[in-house]
Amino acid sequence: MFYVQRGADGKVSGVSAEPPASGEPPLPANHPDVLEFLLRHGDQETTAAALAATDTNLARVVEDLVSLLADRGVILFTDLPDQAQRKLLLRGRLRSRLGDGNPLVDGEDAIL
């Protein structure tokens, strides 16, 4: 979680691990505002951390894309390599298990 400071234009002007005087709530590392700031002002290590923070979201996009293409008959799920099928099925089961009434998972699978 990061605390951000915003300029008059509303854009992030600073990121900190400590709460700012403004009292703005913390944002997760994968929040677009945090990522944009880190990409503009971060060093290579910070940029690598920002990239890693997007991995979970991208994995979900790929899962949804595969599901959509399979549902529409563009691809057959069974045409995917066995390892890919197993990973997608496992993630689907895990998401389903966590999502059923779990207050720690929001609608986009982010753990709160």
PDB file of N, CA and C in Angstrom:
ATOM      1  N   MET A   1       0.842  -1.175   0.000  1.00  0.00           N
ATOM      2  CA  MET A   1       0.000   0.000   0.000  1.00  0.00           C
ATOM      3  C   MET A   1       0.888   1.240   0.000  1.00  0.00           C
ATOM      4  N   PHE A   2       0.446   2.213  -0.767  1.00  0.00           N
ATOM      5  CA  PHE A   2       1.171   3.471  -0.867  1.00  0.00           C
ATOM      6  C   PHE A   2       0.244   4.628  -0.533  1.00  0.00           C
ATOM      7  N   TYR A   3       0.821   5.642   0.049  1.00  0.00           N
ATOM      8  CA  TYR A   3       0.113   6.894   0.269  1.00  0.00           C
ATOM      9  C   TYR A   3       0.594   7.855  -0.810  1.00  0.00           C
ATOM     10  N   VAL A   4      -0.325   8.567  -1.403  1.00  0.00           N
ATOM     11  CA  VAL A   4       0.053   9.462  -2.482  1.00  0.00           C
ATOM     12  C   VAL A   4      -0.231  10.910  -2.104  1.00  0.00           C
ATOM     13  N   GLN A   5       0.549  11.790  -2.673  1.00  0.00           N
ATOM     14  CA  GLN A   5       0.301  13.219  -2.587  1.00  0.00           C
ATOM     15  C   GLN A   5      -0.100  13.638  -3.998  1.00  0.00           C
ATOM     16  N   ARG A   6      -1.099  14.494  -4.094  1.00  0.00           N
ATOM     17  CA  ARG A   6      -1.582  14.935  -5.397  1.00  0.00           C
ATOM     18  C   ARG A   6      -1.348  16.432  -5.562  1.00  0.00           C
ATOM     19  N   GLY A   7      -1.045  16.804  -6.802  1.00  0.00           N
ATOM     20  CA  GLY A   7      -0.882  18.213  -7.142  1.00  0.00           C
ATOM     21  C   GLY A   7      -2.234  18.848  -7.399  1.00  0.00           C
ATOM     22  N   ALA A   8      -2.225  20.125  -7.731  1.00  0.00           N
ATOM     23  CA  ALA A   8      -3.462  20.864  -7.995  1.00  0.00           C
ATOM     24  C   ALA A   8      -4.233  20.276  -9.168  1.00  0.00           C
ATOM     25  N   ASP A   9      -3.512  19.625 -10.088  1.00  0.00           N
ATOM     26  CA  ASP A   9      -4.162  19.012 -11.256  1.00  0.00           C
ATOM     27  C   ASP A   9      -4.751  17.641 -10.956  1.00  0.00           C
ATOM     28  N   GLY A  10      -4.567  17.153  -9.727  1.00  0.00           N
ATOM     29  CA  GLY A  10      -5.103  15.860  -9.335  1.00  0.00           C
ATOM     30  C   GLY A  10      -4.173  14.698  -9.611  1.00  0.00           C
ATOM     31  N   LYS A  11      -3.059  14.954 -10.294  1.00  0.00           N
ATOM     32  CA  LYS A  11      -2.101  13.892 -10.585  1.00  0.00           C
ATOM     33  C   LYS A  11      -1.212  13.653  -9.378  1.00  0.00           C
ATOM     34  N   VAL A  12      -0.735  12.419  -9.269  1.00  0.00           N
ATOM     35  CA  VAL A  12       0.133  12.055  -8.156  1.00  0.00           C
ATOM     36  C   VAL A  12       1.453  12.790  -8.301  1.00  0.00           C
ATOM     37  N   SER A  13       1.846  13.487  -7.242  1.00  0.00           N
ATOM     38  CA  SER A  13       3.102  14.223  -7.248  1.00  0.00           C
ATOM     39  C   SER A  13       4.132  13.589  -6.321  1.00  0.00           C
ATOM     40  N   GLY A  14       3.700  12.606  -5.544  1.00  0.00           N
ATOM     41  CA  GLY A  14       4.611  11.916  -4.644  1.00  0.00           C
ATOM     42  C   GLY A  14       3.981  10.644  -4.119  1.00  0.00           C
ATOM     43  N   VAL A  15       4.828   9.683  -3.779  1.00  0.00           N
ATOM     44  CA  VAL A  15       4.391   8.395  -3.241  1.00  0.00           C
ATOM     45  C   VAL A  15       5.220   8.111  -2.007  1.00  0.00           C
ATOM     46  N   SER A  16       4.553   7.630  -0.964  1.00  0.00           N
ATOM     47  CA  SER A  16       5.245   7.378   0.295  1.00  0.00           C
ATOM     48  C   SER A  16       4.642   6.172   0.998  1.00  0.00           C
ATOM     49  N   ALA A  17       5.456   5.552   1.834  1.00  0.00           N
ATOM     50  CA  ALA A  17       4.959   4.467   2.683  1.00  0.00           C
ATOM     51  C   ALA A  17       4.305   5.020   3.940  1.00  0.00           C
ATOM     52  N   GLU A  18       4.506   6.310   4.204  1.00  0.00           N
ATOM     53  CA  GLU A  18       3.948   6.971   5.385  1.00  0.00           C
ATOM     54  C   GLU A  18       2.727   7.797   4.996  1.00  0.00           C
ATOM     55  N   PRO A  19       1.706   7.852   5.874  1.00  0.00           N
ATOM     56  CA  PRO A  19       0.509   8.641   5.557  1.00  0.00           C
ATOM     57  C   PRO A  19       0.823  10.130   5.435  1.00  0.00           C
ATOM     58  N   PRO A  20       0.248  10.786   4.409  1.00  0.00           N
ATOM     59  CA  PRO A  20       0.469  12.228   4.248  1.00  0.00           C
ATOM     60  C   PRO A  20      -0.441  13.021   5.188  1.00  0.00           C
ATOM     61  N   ALA A  21      -0.148  14.283   5.342  1.00  0.00           N
ATOM     62  CA  ALA A  21      -0.955  15.158   6.193  1.00  0.00           C
ATOM     63  C   ALA A  21      -2.363  15.324   5.627  1.00  0.00           C
ATOM     64  N   SER A  22      -2.523  15.114   4.320  1.00  0.00           N
ATOM     65  CA  SER A  22      -3.835  15.308   3.693  1.00  0.00           C
ATOM     66  C   SER A  22      -4.853  14.263   4.145  1.00  0.00           C
ATOM     67  N   GLY A  23      -4.373  13.157   4.692  1.00  0.00           N
ATOM     68  CA  GLY A  23      -5.275  12.113   5.156  1.00  0.00           C
ATOM     69  C   GLY A  23      -5.852  11.260   4.039  1.00  0.00           C
ATOM     70  N   GLU A  24      -5.283  11.357   2.841  1.00  0.00           N
ATOM     71  CA  GLU A  24      -5.769  10.552   1.721  1.00  0.00           C
ATOM     72  C   GLU A  24      -5.532   9.067   2.025  1.00  0.00           C
ATOM     73  N   PRO A  25      -6.511   8.212   1.722  1.00  0.00           N
ATOM     74  CA  PRO A  25      -6.355   6.789   2.034  1.00  0.00           C
ATOM     75  C   PRO A  25      -5.258   6.144   1.181  1.00  0.00           C
ATOM     76  N   PRO A  26      -4.680   5.042   1.658  1.00  0.00           N
ATOM     77  CA  PRO A  26      -3.628   4.384   0.890  1.00  0.00           C
ATOM     78  C   PRO A  26      -4.194   3.719  -0.367  1.00  0.00           C
ATOM     79  N   LEU A  27      -3.323   3.560  -1.349  1.00  0.00           N
ATOM     80  CA  LEU A  27      -3.686   2.898  -2.598  1.00  0.00           C
ATOM     81  C   LEU A  27      -2.831   1.639  -2.748  1.00  0.00           C
ATOM     82  N   PRO A  28      -3.378   0.593  -3.368  1.00  0.00           N
ATOM     83  CA  PRO A  28      -2.577  -0.619  -3.579  1.00  0.00           C
ATOM     84  C   PRO A  28      -1.471  -0.361  -4.604  1.00  0.00           C
ATOM     85  N   ALA A  29      -0.442  -1.182  -4.577  1.00  0.00           N
ATOM     86  CA  ALA A  29       0.703  -1.012  -5.471  1.00  0.00           C
ATOM     87  C   ALA A  29       0.305  -1.094  -6.933  1.00  0.00           C
ATOM     88  N   ASN A  30      -0.785  -1.793  -7.242  1.00  0.00           N
ATOM     89  CA  ASN A  30      -1.187  -1.927  -8.644  1.00  0.00           C
ATOM     90  C   ASN A  30      -2.223  -0.891  -9.074  1.00  0.00           C
ATOM     91  N   HIS A  31      -2.483   0.110  -8.254  1.00  0.00           N
ATOM     92  CA  HIS A  31      -3.428   1.167  -8.620  1.00  0.00           C
ATOM     93  C   HIS A  31      -2.849   1.965  -9.787  1.00  0.00           C
ATOM     94  N   PRO A  32      -3.646   2.297 -10.801  1.00  0.00           N
ATOM     95  CA  PRO A  32      -3.117   3.020 -11.968  1.00  0.00           C
ATOM     96  C   PRO A  32      -2.387   4.313 -11.633  1.00  0.00           C
ATOM     97  N   ASP A  33      -2.863   5.058 -10.641  1.00  0.00           N
ATOM     98  CA  ASP A  33      -2.200   6.317 -10.267  1.00  0.00           C
ATOM     99  C   ASP A  33      -0.804   6.063  -9.711  1.00  0.00           C
ATOM    100  N   VAL A  34      -0.676   5.028  -8.890  1.00  0.00           N
ATOM    101  CA  VAL A  34       0.629   4.686  -8.317  1.00  0.00           C
ATOM    102  C   VAL A  34       1.565   4.199  -9.419  1.00  0.00           C
ATOM    103  N   LEU A  35       1.075   3.311 -10.275  1.00  0.00           N
ATOM    104  CA  LEU A  35       1.909   2.782 -11.353  1.00  0.00           C
ATOM    105  C   LEU A  35       2.389   3.876 -12.288  1.00  0.00           C
ATOM    106  N   GLU A  36       1.494   4.797 -12.639  1.00  0.00           N
ATOM    107  CA  GLU A  36       1.871   5.897 -13.533  1.00  0.00           C
ATOM    108  C   GLU A  36       2.976   6.740 -12.913  1.00  0.00           C
ATOM    109  N   PHE A  37       2.850   7.059 -11.635  1.00  0.00           N
ATOM    110  CA  PHE A  37       3.878   7.853 -10.962  1.00  0.00           C
ATOM    111  C   PHE A  37       5.206   7.108 -10.940  1.00  0.00           C
ATOM    112  N   LEU A  38       5.163   5.828 -10.586  1.00  0.00           N
ATOM    113  CA  LEU A  38       6.401   5.048 -10.505  1.00  0.00           C
ATOM    114  C   LEU A  38       7.069   4.910 -11.869  1.00  0.00           C
ATOM    115  N   LEU A  39       6.272   4.795 -12.926  1.00  0.00           N
ATOM    116  CA  LEU A  39       6.842   4.705 -14.262  1.00  0.00           C
ATOM    117  C   LEU A  39       7.511   6.017 -14.679  1.00  0.00           C
ATOM    118  N   ARG A  40       6.930   7.125 -14.258  1.00  0.00           N
ATOM    119  CA  ARG A  40       7.499   8.438 -14.618  1.00  0.00           C
ATOM    120  C   ARG A  40       8.727   8.790 -13.778  1.00  0.00           C
ATOM    121  N   HIS A  41       8.747   8.350 -12.512  1.00  0.00           N
ATOM    122  CA  HIS A  41       9.784   8.840 -11.598  1.00  0.00           C
ATOM    123  C   HIS A  41      10.637   7.753 -10.956  1.00  0.00           C
ATOM    124  N   GLY A  42      10.335   6.503 -11.201  1.00  0.00           N
ATOM    125  CA  GLY A  42      11.045   5.430 -10.513  1.00  0.00           C
ATOM    126  C   GLY A  42      12.332   5.022 -11.206  1.00  0.00           C
ATOM    127  N   ASP A  43      13.215   4.407 -10.434  1.00  0.00           N
ATOM    128  CA  ASP A  43      14.426   3.843 -11.007  1.00  0.00           C
ATOM    129  C   ASP A  43      14.104   2.455 -11.571  1.00  0.00           C
ATOM    130  N   GLN A  44      15.109   1.729 -12.020  1.00  0.00           N
ATOM    131  CA  GLN A  44      14.864   0.429 -12.647  1.00  0.00           C
ATOM    132  C   GLN A  44      14.207  -0.549 -11.673  1.00  0.00           C
ATOM    133  N   GLU A  45      14.638  -0.556 -10.429  1.00  0.00           N
ATOM    134  CA  GLU A  45      14.055  -1.467  -9.435  1.00  0.00           C
ATOM    135  C   GLU A  45      12.589  -1.123  -9.175  1.00  0.00           C
ATOM    136  N   THR A  46      12.282   0.158  -9.078  1.00  0.00           N
ATOM    137  CA  THR A  46      10.911   0.592  -8.854  1.00  0.00           C
ATOM    138  C   THR A  46      10.034   0.255 -10.052  1.00  0.00           C
ATOM    139  N   THR A  47      10.586   0.448 -11.256  1.00  0.00           N
ATOM    140  CA  THR A  47       9.841   0.119 -12.467  1.00  0.00           C
ATOM    141  C   THR A  47       9.565  -1.380 -12.528  1.00  0.00           C
ATOM    142  N   ALA A  48      10.537  -2.195 -12.144  1.00  0.00           N
ATOM    143  CA  ALA A  48      10.341  -3.652 -12.125  1.00  0.00           C
ATOM    144  C   ALA A  48       9.252  -4.026 -11.120  1.00  0.00           C
ATOM    145  N   ALA A  49       9.223  -3.353  -9.974  1.00  0.00           N
ATOM    146  CA  ALA A  49       8.178  -3.623  -8.978  1.00  0.00           C
ATOM    147  C   ALA A  49       6.811  -3.219  -9.504  1.00  0.00           C
ATOM    148  N   ALA A  50       6.753  -2.099 -10.226  1.00  0.00           N
ATOM    149  CA  ALA A  50       5.481  -1.660 -10.812  1.00  0.00           C
ATOM    150  C   ALA A  50       5.006  -2.662 -11.852  1.00  0.00           C
ATOM    151  N   LEU A  51       5.922  -3.183 -12.655  1.00  0.00           N
ATOM    152  CA  LEU A  51       5.572  -4.197 -13.648  1.00  0.00           C
ATOM    153  C   LEU A  51       5.038  -5.451 -12.962  1.00  0.00           C
ATOM    154  N   ALA A  52       5.689  -5.881 -11.906  1.00  0.00           N
ATOM    155  CA  ALA A  52       5.241  -7.076 -11.182  1.00  0.00           C
ATOM    156  C   ALA A  52       3.852  -6.867 -10.580  1.00  0.00           C
ATOM    157  N   ALA A  53       3.555  -5.646 -10.167  1.00  0.00           N
ATOM    158  CA  ALA A  53       2.252  -5.363  -9.565  1.00  0.00           C
ATOM    159  C   ALA A  53       1.117  -5.531 -10.567  1.00  0.00           C
ATOM    160  N   THR A  54       1.422  -5.435 -11.854  1.00  0.00           N
ATOM    161  CA  THR A  54       0.382  -5.599 -12.879  1.00  0.00           C
ATOM    162  C   THR A  54       0.196  -7.050 -13.306  1.00  0.00           C
ATOM    163  N   ASP A  55       1.079  -7.953 -12.876  1.00  0.00           N
ATOM    164  CA  ASP A  55       1.021  -9.344 -13.323  1.00  0.00           C
ATOM    165  C   ASP A  55      -0.300 -10.028 -12.995  1.00  0.00           C
ATOM    166  N   THR A  56      -0.803  -9.841 -11.800  1.00  0.00           N
ATOM    167  CA  THR A  56      -2.056 -10.477 -11.406  1.00  0.00           C
ATOM    168  C   THR A  56      -3.211  -9.986 -12.264  1.00  0.00           C
ATOM    169  N   ASN A  57      -3.254  -8.687 -12.507  1.00  0.00           N
ATOM    170  CA  ASN A  57      -4.324  -8.144 -13.343  1.00  0.00           C
ATOM    171  C   ASN A  57      -4.236  -8.669 -14.768  1.00  0.00           C
ATOM    172  N   LEU A  58      -3.023  -8.773 -15.292  1.00  0.00           N
ATOM    173  CA  LEU A  58      -2.857  -9.279 -16.650  1.00  0.00           C
ATOM    174  C   LEU A  58      -3.232 -10.750 -16.724  1.00  0.00           C
ATOM    175  N   ALA A  59      -2.902 -11.511 -15.686  1.00  0.00           N
ATOM    176  CA  ALA A  59      -3.289 -12.924 -15.667  1.00  0.00           C
ATOM    177  C   ALA A  59      -4.801 -13.051 -15.747  1.00  0.00           C
ATOM    178  N   ARG A  60      -5.522 -12.206 -15.049  1.00  0.00           N
ATOM    179  CA  ARG A  60      -6.978 -12.246 -15.075  1.00  0.00           C
ATOM    180  C   ARG A  60      -7.506 -11.886 -16.464  1.00  0.00           C
ATOM    181  N   VAL A  61      -6.870 -10.924 -17.130  1.00  0.00           N
ATOM    182  CA  VAL A  61      -7.270 -10.548 -18.487  1.00  0.00           C
ATOM    183  C   VAL A  61      -7.101 -11.738 -19.422  1.00  0.00           C
ATOM    184  N   VAL A  62      -5.981 -12.431 -19.315  1.00  0.00           N
ATOM    185  CA  VAL A  62      -5.724 -13.596 -20.172  1.00  0.00           C
ATOM    186  C   VAL A  62      -6.753 -14.687 -19.887  1.00  0.00           C
ATOM    187  N   GLU A  63      -7.042 -14.937 -18.628  1.00  0.00           N
ATOM    188  CA  GLU A  63      -8.059 -15.936 -18.271  1.00  0.00           C
ATOM    189  C   GLU A  63      -9.412 -15.585 -18.883  1.00  0.00           C
ATOM    190  N   ASP A  64      -9.796 -14.327 -18.739  1.00  0.00           N
ATOM    191  CA  ASP A  64     -11.085 -13.890 -19.284  1.00  0.00           C
ATOM    192  C   ASP A  64     -11.104 -13.986 -20.806  1.00  0.00           C
ATOM    193  N   LEU A  65      -9.987 -13.667 -21.441  1.00  0.00           N
ATOM    194  CA  LEU A  65      -9.898 -13.747 -22.897  1.00  0.00           C
ATOM    195  C   LEU A  65     -10.030 -15.188 -23.378  1.00  0.00           C
ATOM    196  N   VAL A  66      -9.323 -16.101 -22.731  1.00  0.00           N
ATOM    197  CA  VAL A  66      -9.422 -17.515 -23.097  1.00  0.00           C
ATOM    198  C   VAL A  66     -10.850 -17.998 -22.907  1.00  0.00           C
ATOM    199  N   SER A  67     -11.470 -17.624 -21.804  1.00  0.00           N
ATOM    200  CA  SER A  67     -12.848 -18.029 -21.535  1.00  0.00           C
ATOM    201  C   SER A  67     -13.804 -17.490 -22.598  1.00  0.00           C
ATOM    202  N   LEU A  68     -13.649 -16.226 -22.949  1.00  0.00           N
ATOM    203  CA  LEU A  68     -14.501 -15.605 -23.961  1.00  0.00           C
ATOM    204  C   LEU A  68     -14.336 -16.292 -25.315  1.00  0.00           C
ATOM    205  N   LEU A  69     -13.097 -16.532 -25.717  1.00  0.00           N
ATOM    206  CA  LEU A  69     -12.847 -17.178 -27.009  1.00  0.00           C
ATOM    207  C   LEU A  69     -13.395 -18.602 -27.027  1.00  0.00           C
ATOM    208  N   ALA A  70     -13.270 -19.312 -25.918  1.00  0.00           N
ATOM    209  CA  ALA A  70     -13.808 -20.671 -25.844  1.00  0.00           C
ATOM    210  C   ALA A  70     -15.333 -20.646 -25.850  1.00  0.00           C
ATOM    211  N   ASP A  71     -15.934 -19.728 -25.115  1.00  0.00           N
ATOM    212  CA  ASP A  71     -17.397 -19.624 -25.075  1.00  0.00           C
ATOM    213  C   ASP A  71     -17.976 -19.318 -26.453  1.00  0.00           C
ATOM    214  N   ARG A  72     -17.251 -18.533 -27.238  1.00  0.00           N
ATOM    215  CA  ARG A  72     -17.730 -18.162 -28.575  1.00  0.00           C
ATOM    216  C   ARG A  72     -17.329 -19.168 -29.651  1.00  0.00           C
ATOM    217  N   GLY A  73     -16.611 -20.212 -29.251  1.00  0.00           N
ATOM    218  CA  GLY A  73     -16.236 -21.251 -30.196  1.00  0.00           C
ATOM    219  C   GLY A  73     -15.074 -20.891 -31.106  1.00  0.00           C
ATOM    220  N   VAL A  74     -14.366 -19.812 -30.784  1.00  0.00           N
ATOM    221  CA  VAL A  74     -13.216 -19.416 -31.597  1.00  0.00           C
ATOM    222  C   VAL A  74     -12.061 -20.385 -31.366  1.00  0.00           C
ATOM    223  N   ILE A  75     -11.909 -20.822 -30.116  1.00  0.00           N
ATOM    224  CA  ILE A  75     -10.907 -21.837 -29.782  1.00  0.00           C
ATOM    225  C   ILE A  75     -11.590 -22.916 -28.957  1.00  0.00           C
ATOM    226  N   LEU A  76     -10.979 -24.055 -28.916  1.00  0.00           N
ATOM    227  CA  LEU A  76     -11.433 -25.114 -28.024  1.00  0.00           C
ATOM    228  C   LEU A  76     -10.491 -25.141 -26.828  1.00  0.00           C
ATOM    229  N   PHE A  77     -11.057 -25.170 -25.644  1.00  0.00           N
ATOM    230  CA  PHE A  77     -10.240 -25.207 -24.430  1.00  0.00           C
ATOM    231  C   PHE A  77      -9.271 -26.383 -24.491  1.00  0.00           C
ATOM    232  N   THR A  78      -9.726 -27.497 -25.032  1.00  0.00           N
ATOM    233  CA  THR A  78      -8.895 -28.701 -25.101  1.00  0.00           C
ATOM    234  C   THR A  78      -7.754 -28.565 -26.104  1.00  0.00           C
ATOM    235  N   ASP A  79      -7.776 -27.527 -26.942  1.00  0.00           N
ATOM    236  CA  ASP A  79      -6.660 -27.280 -27.860  1.00  0.00           C
ATOM    237  C   ASP A  79      -5.474 -26.617 -27.158  1.00  0.00           C
ATOM    238  N   LEU A  80      -5.720 -26.064 -26.002  1.00  0.00           N
ATOM    239  CA  LEU A  80      -4.636 -25.454 -25.244  1.00  0.00           C
ATOM    240  C   LEU A  80      -3.706 -26.544 -24.723  1.00  0.00           C
ATOM    241  N   PRO A  81      -2.432 -26.234 -24.537  1.00  0.00           N
ATOM    242  CA  PRO A  81      -1.511 -27.217 -23.950  1.00  0.00           C
ATOM    243  C   PRO A  81      -2.023 -27.677 -22.585  1.00  0.00           C
ATOM    244  N   ASP A  82      -1.724 -28.921 -22.253  1.00  0.00           N
ATOM    245  CA  ASP A  82      -2.195 -29.501 -20.978  1.00  0.00           C
ATOM    246  C   ASP A  82      -1.836 -28.627 -19.779  1.00  0.00           C
ATOM    247  N   GLN A  83      -0.609 -28.108 -19.749  1.00  0.00           N
ATOM    248  CA  GLN A  83      -0.181 -27.269 -18.618  1.00  0.00           C
ATOM    249  C   GLN A  83      -1.055 -26.017 -18.520  1.00  0.00           C
ATOM    250  N   ALA A  84      -1.361 -25.406 -19.652  1.00  0.00           N
ATOM    251  CA  ALA A  84      -2.203 -24.203 -19.649  1.00  0.00           C
ATOM    252  C   ALA A  84      -3.605 -24.539 -19.158  1.00  0.00           C
ATOM    253  N   GLN A  85      -4.156 -25.666 -19.610  1.00  0.00           N
ATOM    254  CA  GLN A  85      -5.488 -26.085 -19.164  1.00  0.00           C
ATOM    255  C   GLN A  85      -5.504 -26.267 -17.653  1.00  0.00           C
ATOM    256  N   ARG A  86      -4.496 -26.963 -17.130  1.00  0.00           N
ATOM    257  CA  ARG A  86      -4.450 -27.218 -15.679  1.00  0.00           C
ATOM    258  C   ARG A  86      -4.351 -25.915 -14.891  1.00  0.00           C
ATOM    259  N   LYS A  87      -3.506 -25.008 -15.348  1.00  0.00           N
ATOM    260  CA  LYS A  87      -3.336 -23.740 -14.633  1.00  0.00           C
ATOM    261  C   LYS A  87      -4.614 -22.909 -14.662  1.00  0.00           C
ATOM    262  N   LEU A  88      -5.260 -22.846 -15.813  1.00  0.00           N
ATOM    263  CA  LEU A  88      -6.501 -22.079 -15.915  1.00  0.00           C
ATOM    264  C   LEU A  88      -7.609 -22.687 -15.066  1.00  0.00           C
ATOM    265  N   LEU A  89      -7.718 -24.010 -15.079  1.00  0.00           N
ATOM    266  CA  LEU A  89      -8.744 -24.674 -14.270  1.00  0.00           C
ATOM    267  C   LEU A  89      -8.483 -24.465 -12.781  1.00  0.00           C
ATOM    268  N   LEU A  90      -7.221 -24.577 -12.373  1.00  0.00           N
ATOM    269  CA  LEU A  90      -6.877 -24.376 -10.961  1.00  0.00           C
ATOM    270  C   LEU A  90      -7.195 -22.953 -10.529  1.00  0.00           C
ATOM    271  N   ARG A  91      -6.792 -21.958 -11.315  1.00  0.00           N
ATOM    272  CA  ARG A  91      -7.075 -20.572 -10.951  1.00  0.00           C
ATOM    273  C   ARG A  91      -8.579 -20.313 -10.903  1.00  0.00           C
ATOM    274  N   GLY A  92      -9.313 -20.907 -11.830  1.00  0.00           N
ATOM    275  CA  GLY A  92     -10.766 -20.744 -11.821  1.00  0.00           C
ATOM    276  C   GLY A  92     -11.389 -21.307 -10.555  1.00  0.00           C
ATOM    277  N   ARG A  93     -10.919 -22.489 -10.148  1.00  0.00           N
ATOM    278  CA  ARG A  93     -11.443 -23.095  -8.916  1.00  0.00           C
ATOM    279  C   ARG A  93     -11.061 -22.264  -7.696  1.00  0.00           C
ATOM    280  N   LEU A  94      -9.830 -21.781  -7.654  1.00  0.00           N
ATOM    281  CA  LEU A  94      -9.396 -20.961  -6.520  1.00  0.00           C
ATOM    282  C   LEU A  94     -10.185 -19.665  -6.441  1.00  0.00           C
ATOM    283  N   ARG A  95     -10.370 -18.997  -7.578  1.00  0.00           N
ATOM    284  CA  ARG A  95     -11.157 -17.756  -7.589  1.00  0.00           C
ATOM    285  C   ARG A  95     -12.582 -18.022  -7.148  1.00  0.00           C
ATOM    286  N   SER A  96     -13.153 -19.108  -7.640  1.00  0.00           N
ATOM    287  CA  SER A  96     -14.518 -19.443  -7.277  1.00  0.00           C
ATOM    288  C   SER A  96     -14.631 -19.691  -5.772  1.00  0.00           C
ATOM    289  N   ARG A  97     -13.678 -20.416  -5.247  1.00  0.00           N
ATOM    290  CA  ARG A  97     -13.696 -20.733  -3.817  1.00  0.00           C
ATOM    291  C   ARG A  97     -13.534 -19.476  -2.965  1.00  0.00           C
ATOM    292  N   LEU A  98     -12.628 -18.587  -3.363  1.00  0.00           N
ATOM    293  CA  LEU A  98     -12.420 -17.355  -2.602  1.00  0.00           C
ATOM    294  C   LEU A  98     -13.555 -16.369  -2.793  1.00  0.00           C
ATOM    295  N   GLY A  99     -14.134 -16.338  -3.988  1.00  0.00           N
ATOM    296  CA  GLY A  99     -15.152 -15.347  -4.296  1.00  0.00           C
ATOM    297  C   GLY A  99     -16.495 -15.612  -3.659  1.00  0.00           C
ATOM    298  N   ASP A 100     -16.797 -16.838  -3.312  1.00  0.00           N
ATOM    299  CA  ASP A 100     -18.094 -17.182  -2.750  1.00  0.00           C
ATOM    300  C   ASP A 100     -18.208 -16.688  -1.316  1.00  0.00           C
ATOM    301  N   GLY A 101     -18.689 -15.458  -1.195  1.00  0.00           N
ATOM    302  CA  GLY A 101     -18.946 -14.922   0.139  1.00  0.00           C
ATOM    303  C   GLY A 101     -17.707 -14.501   0.900  1.00  0.00           C
ATOM    304  N   ASN A 102     -16.559 -14.411   0.234  1.00  0.00           N
ATOM    305  CA  ASN A 102     -15.351 -14.009   0.923  1.00  0.00           C
ATOM    306  C   ASN A 102     -15.219 -12.494   0.869  1.00  0.00           C
ATOM    307  N   PRO A 103     -15.296 -11.808   1.997  1.00  0.00           N
ATOM    308  CA  PRO A 103     -15.213 -10.343   1.992  1.00  0.00           C
ATOM    309  C   PRO A 103     -13.820  -9.817   1.684  1.00  0.00           C
ATOM    310  N   LEU A 104     -12.815 -10.688   1.614  1.00  0.00           N
ATOM    311  CA  LEU A 104     -11.474 -10.232   1.319  1.00  0.00           C
ATOM    312  C   LEU A 104     -11.179 -10.148  -0.167  1.00  0.00           C
ATOM    313  N   VAL A 105     -12.117 -10.596  -1.029  1.00  0.00           N
ATOM    314  CA  VAL A 105     -11.911 -10.566  -2.452  1.00  0.00           C
ATOM    315  C   VAL A 105     -12.993  -9.688  -3.078  1.00  0.00           C
ATOM    316  N   ASP A 106     -12.566  -8.691  -3.853  1.00  0.00           N
ATOM    317  CA  ASP A 106     -13.556  -7.829  -4.485  1.00  0.00           C
ATOM    318  C   ASP A 106     -13.955  -8.406  -5.849  1.00  0.00           C
ATOM    319  N   GLY A 107     -14.751  -7.686  -6.587  1.00  0.00           N
ATOM    320  CA  GLY A 107     -15.262  -8.164  -7.869  1.00  0.00           C
ATOM    321  C   GLY A 107     -14.198  -8.350  -8.927  1.00  0.00           C
ATOM    322  N   GLU A 108     -13.016  -7.797  -8.735  1.00  0.00           N
ATOM    323  CA  GLU A 108     -11.939  -7.960  -9.688  1.00  0.00           C
ATOM    324  C   GLU A 108     -10.860  -8.885  -9.139  1.00  0.00           C
ATOM    325  N   ASP A 109     -11.198  -9.685  -8.158  1.00  0.00           N
ATOM    326  CA  ASP A 109     -10.294 -10.660  -7.557  1.00  0.00           C
ATOM    327  C   ASP A 109      -9.137 -10.049  -6.777  1.00  0.00           C
ATOM    328  N   ALA A 110      -9.224  -8.776  -6.479  1.00  0.00           N
ATOM    329  CA  ALA A 110      -8.164  -8.160  -5.677  1.00  0.00           C
ATOM    330  C   ALA A 110      -8.419  -8.508  -4.214  1.00  0.00           C
ATOM    331  N   ILE A 111      -7.371  -8.903  -3.544  1.00  0.00           N
ATOM    332  CA  ILE A 111      -7.517  -9.191  -2.113  1.00  0.00           C
ATOM    333  C   ILE A 111      -7.427  -7.872  -1.380  1.00  0.00           C
ATOM    334  N   LEU A 112      -8.435  -7.586  -0.584  1.00  0.00           N
ATOM    335  CA  LEU A 112      -8.518  -6.285   0.101  1.00  0.00           C
ATOM    336  C   LEU A 112      -7.713  -6.299   1.375  1.00  0.00           C
TER     337      LEU A 112
END
